[in-house]
N, C-alpha and C. Protein backbone atom coordinates (compact mmCIF):
# COMPACT_ATOMS: atom_id res chain seq x y z
N MET A 1 -18.28 0.00 38.14
CA MET A 1 -17.16 0.63 37.49
C MET A 1 -17.67 1.75 36.59
N GLU A 2 -16.97 2.82 36.61
CA GLU A 2 -17.36 3.96 35.80
C GLU A 2 -16.96 3.80 34.34
N SER A 3 -15.94 3.03 34.08
CA SER A 3 -15.42 2.89 32.72
C SER A 3 -15.50 1.43 32.29
N ASP A 4 -15.65 1.23 31.00
CA ASP A 4 -15.64 -0.13 30.44
C ASP A 4 -14.32 -0.37 29.71
N LYS A 5 -13.29 0.31 30.19
CA LYS A 5 -11.98 0.26 29.53
C LYS A 5 -11.48 -1.17 29.33
N TYR A 6 -11.67 -2.02 30.31
CA TYR A 6 -11.18 -3.40 30.23
C TYR A 6 -12.31 -4.40 30.07
N GLY A 7 -13.50 -3.92 29.80
CA GLY A 7 -14.68 -4.78 29.70
C GLY A 7 -14.54 -5.90 28.69
N ALA A 8 -14.08 -5.59 27.49
CA ALA A 8 -13.95 -6.60 26.44
C ALA A 8 -12.95 -7.67 26.84
N GLU A 9 -11.85 -7.25 27.45
CA GLU A 9 -10.84 -8.21 27.89
C GLU A 9 -11.38 -9.12 28.99
N VAL A 10 -12.12 -8.55 29.91
CA VAL A 10 -12.73 -9.33 31.00
C VAL A 10 -13.72 -10.33 30.42
N ARG A 11 -14.54 -9.91 29.48
CA ARG A 11 -15.52 -10.82 28.88
C ARG A 11 -14.83 -11.96 28.13
N ARG A 12 -13.71 -11.67 27.45
CA ARG A 12 -12.95 -12.74 26.78
C ARG A 12 -12.42 -13.74 27.80
N ASP A 13 -11.90 -13.23 28.91
CA ASP A 13 -11.40 -14.11 29.98
C ASP A 13 -12.53 -14.95 30.55
N GLU A 14 -13.70 -14.34 30.74
CA GLU A 14 -14.85 -15.08 31.27
C GLU A 14 -15.28 -16.17 30.29
N GLU A 15 -15.26 -15.87 29.00
CA GLU A 15 -15.63 -16.85 27.99
C GLU A 15 -14.63 -18.02 27.98
N SER A 16 -13.35 -17.69 28.07
CA SER A 16 -12.33 -18.74 28.12
C SER A 16 -12.51 -19.62 29.35
N ALA A 17 -12.77 -19.01 30.48
CA ALA A 17 -12.97 -19.76 31.72
C ALA A 17 -14.19 -20.66 31.60
N SER A 18 -15.24 -20.17 31.00
CA SER A 18 -16.45 -20.97 30.83
C SER A 18 -16.18 -22.19 29.95
N LYS A 19 -15.44 -21.99 28.86
CA LYS A 19 -15.11 -23.11 27.96
C LYS A 19 -14.28 -24.17 28.66
N LEU A 20 -13.42 -23.73 29.59
CA LEU A 20 -12.58 -24.67 30.33
C LEU A 20 -13.26 -25.21 31.58
N LYS A 21 -14.51 -24.81 31.79
CA LYS A 21 -15.30 -25.23 32.96
C LYS A 21 -14.66 -24.78 34.27
N ILE A 22 -14.05 -23.61 34.25
CA ILE A 22 -13.45 -23.03 35.46
C ILE A 22 -14.55 -22.34 36.23
N ASN A 23 -14.69 -22.71 37.50
CA ASN A 23 -15.74 -22.09 38.31
C ASN A 23 -15.24 -21.65 39.68
N SER A 24 -13.94 -21.55 39.83
CA SER A 24 -13.39 -21.09 41.10
C SER A 24 -12.05 -20.40 40.84
N VAL A 25 -11.63 -19.65 41.83
CA VAL A 25 -10.33 -18.98 41.75
C VAL A 25 -9.56 -19.26 43.02
N PRO A 26 -8.27 -19.28 43.02
CA PRO A 26 -7.42 -19.11 41.84
C PRO A 26 -7.42 -20.35 40.96
N TYR A 27 -7.15 -20.14 39.69
CA TYR A 27 -7.09 -21.22 38.70
C TYR A 27 -6.04 -20.82 37.69
N PHE A 28 -5.05 -21.64 37.51
CA PHE A 28 -3.92 -21.34 36.64
C PHE A 28 -3.89 -22.35 35.49
N VAL A 29 -3.75 -21.86 34.27
CA VAL A 29 -3.67 -22.72 33.10
C VAL A 29 -2.32 -22.48 32.43
N PHE A 30 -1.63 -23.56 32.13
CA PHE A 30 -0.31 -23.49 31.51
C PHE A 30 -0.37 -24.14 30.13
N ASN A 31 -0.05 -23.37 29.10
CA ASN A 31 -0.02 -23.86 27.71
C ASN A 31 -1.33 -24.51 27.28
N ASN A 32 -2.42 -24.10 27.85
CA ASN A 32 -3.73 -24.68 27.54
C ASN A 32 -3.74 -26.20 27.68
N LYS A 33 -2.87 -26.72 28.53
CA LYS A 33 -2.75 -28.17 28.68
C LYS A 33 -2.81 -28.62 30.14
N TYR A 34 -2.19 -27.85 31.01
CA TYR A 34 -2.14 -28.20 32.43
C TYR A 34 -2.86 -27.13 33.24
N ALA A 35 -3.50 -27.56 34.31
CA ALA A 35 -4.22 -26.60 35.15
C ALA A 35 -4.01 -26.92 36.62
N ILE A 36 -3.98 -25.86 37.40
CA ILE A 36 -3.88 -25.97 38.86
C ILE A 36 -5.03 -25.17 39.44
N SER A 37 -5.82 -25.82 40.27
CA SER A 37 -6.98 -25.16 40.87
C SER A 37 -6.76 -24.99 42.37
N GLY A 38 -7.13 -23.83 42.86
CA GLY A 38 -7.05 -23.58 44.29
C GLY A 38 -5.63 -23.27 44.75
N ALA A 39 -5.51 -23.08 46.03
CA ALA A 39 -4.21 -22.79 46.64
C ALA A 39 -3.41 -24.09 46.70
N GLN A 40 -2.25 -24.09 46.09
CA GLN A 40 -1.42 -25.29 46.05
C GLN A 40 0.00 -24.96 46.50
N GLN A 41 0.74 -25.99 46.80
CA GLN A 41 2.12 -25.84 47.22
C GLN A 41 2.99 -25.38 46.04
N PRO A 42 4.02 -24.61 46.31
CA PRO A 42 4.92 -24.14 45.24
C PRO A 42 5.54 -25.29 44.44
N GLU A 43 5.75 -26.42 45.08
CA GLU A 43 6.35 -27.57 44.39
C GLU A 43 5.49 -28.03 43.21
N LEU A 44 4.18 -27.94 43.34
CA LEU A 44 3.30 -28.34 42.25
C LEU A 44 3.47 -27.40 41.06
N PHE A 45 3.56 -26.10 41.34
CA PHE A 45 3.79 -25.14 40.27
C PHE A 45 5.12 -25.41 39.58
N LEU A 46 6.14 -25.68 40.35
CA LEU A 46 7.46 -25.97 39.80
C LEU A 46 7.41 -27.22 38.92
N GLU A 47 6.73 -28.25 39.37
CA GLU A 47 6.60 -29.48 38.60
C GLU A 47 5.94 -29.21 37.24
N ILE A 48 4.85 -28.47 37.25
CA ILE A 48 4.14 -28.17 36.00
C ILE A 48 5.01 -27.29 35.09
N LEU A 49 5.64 -26.28 35.67
CA LEU A 49 6.48 -25.40 34.85
C LEU A 49 7.65 -26.15 34.24
N GLU A 50 8.24 -27.07 34.97
CA GLU A 50 9.34 -27.87 34.42
C GLU A 50 8.84 -28.77 33.29
N LYS A 51 7.66 -29.33 33.46
CA LYS A 51 7.07 -30.18 32.43
C LYS A 51 6.82 -29.37 31.15
N VAL A 52 6.25 -28.19 31.30
CA VAL A 52 5.99 -27.32 30.15
C VAL A 52 7.30 -26.92 29.48
N ARG A 53 8.31 -26.60 30.28
CA ARG A 53 9.61 -26.21 29.73
C ARG A 53 10.22 -27.33 28.90
N LYS A 54 10.18 -28.56 29.42
CA LYS A 54 10.74 -29.70 28.68
C LYS A 54 10.00 -29.90 27.36
N GLU A 55 8.68 -29.77 27.41
CA GLU A 55 7.90 -29.93 26.19
C GLU A 55 8.25 -28.85 25.17
N GLU A 56 8.38 -27.63 25.63
CA GLU A 56 8.71 -26.52 24.74
C GLU A 56 10.10 -26.68 24.14
N LEU A 57 11.05 -27.14 24.94
CA LEU A 57 12.41 -27.33 24.44
C LEU A 57 12.51 -28.46 23.43
N SER A 58 11.58 -29.40 23.47
CA SER A 58 11.62 -30.53 22.55
C SER A 58 10.95 -30.22 21.21
N LEU A 59 10.31 -29.06 21.10
CA LEU A 59 9.66 -28.69 19.84
C LEU A 59 10.71 -28.32 18.80
N PRO A 60 10.44 -28.64 17.53
CA PRO A 60 11.39 -28.25 16.49
C PRO A 60 11.44 -26.73 16.36
N VAL A 61 12.62 -26.25 16.06
CA VAL A 61 12.83 -24.81 15.92
C VAL A 61 12.97 -24.50 14.44
N GLU A 62 12.19 -23.54 13.96
CA GLU A 62 12.30 -23.13 12.57
C GLU A 62 13.53 -22.26 12.38
N LYS A 63 14.29 -22.57 11.35
CA LYS A 63 15.45 -21.75 11.04
C LYS A 63 15.01 -20.64 10.10
N PHE A 64 15.61 -19.50 10.26
CA PHE A 64 15.29 -18.39 9.38
C PHE A 64 16.54 -17.56 9.14
N THR A 65 16.52 -16.82 8.07
CA THR A 65 17.63 -15.93 7.76
C THR A 65 17.11 -14.52 7.63
N VAL A 66 17.96 -13.60 7.94
CA VAL A 66 17.61 -12.19 7.82
C VAL A 66 18.22 -11.68 6.53
N GLU A 67 17.37 -11.18 5.66
CA GLU A 67 17.86 -10.63 4.39
C GLU A 67 17.92 -9.13 4.50
N GLU A 68 18.99 -8.59 3.95
CA GLU A 68 19.15 -7.13 3.98
C GLU A 68 18.65 -6.50 2.72
């Protein structure tokens, strides 16, 4: 590559992958909790996404007000 425009971002991704012991692609990580490795059926992705959605919806929501 002639440019290192995205070099720092790529190195951060490589470091994250190393910490998660990722050594193959494709590899998908959802909410730093669930992972799918390799080519998988769409149903597995849907199952994980639904699980993440339910977990996110069950989190408490902070109330805030906008002051003028």
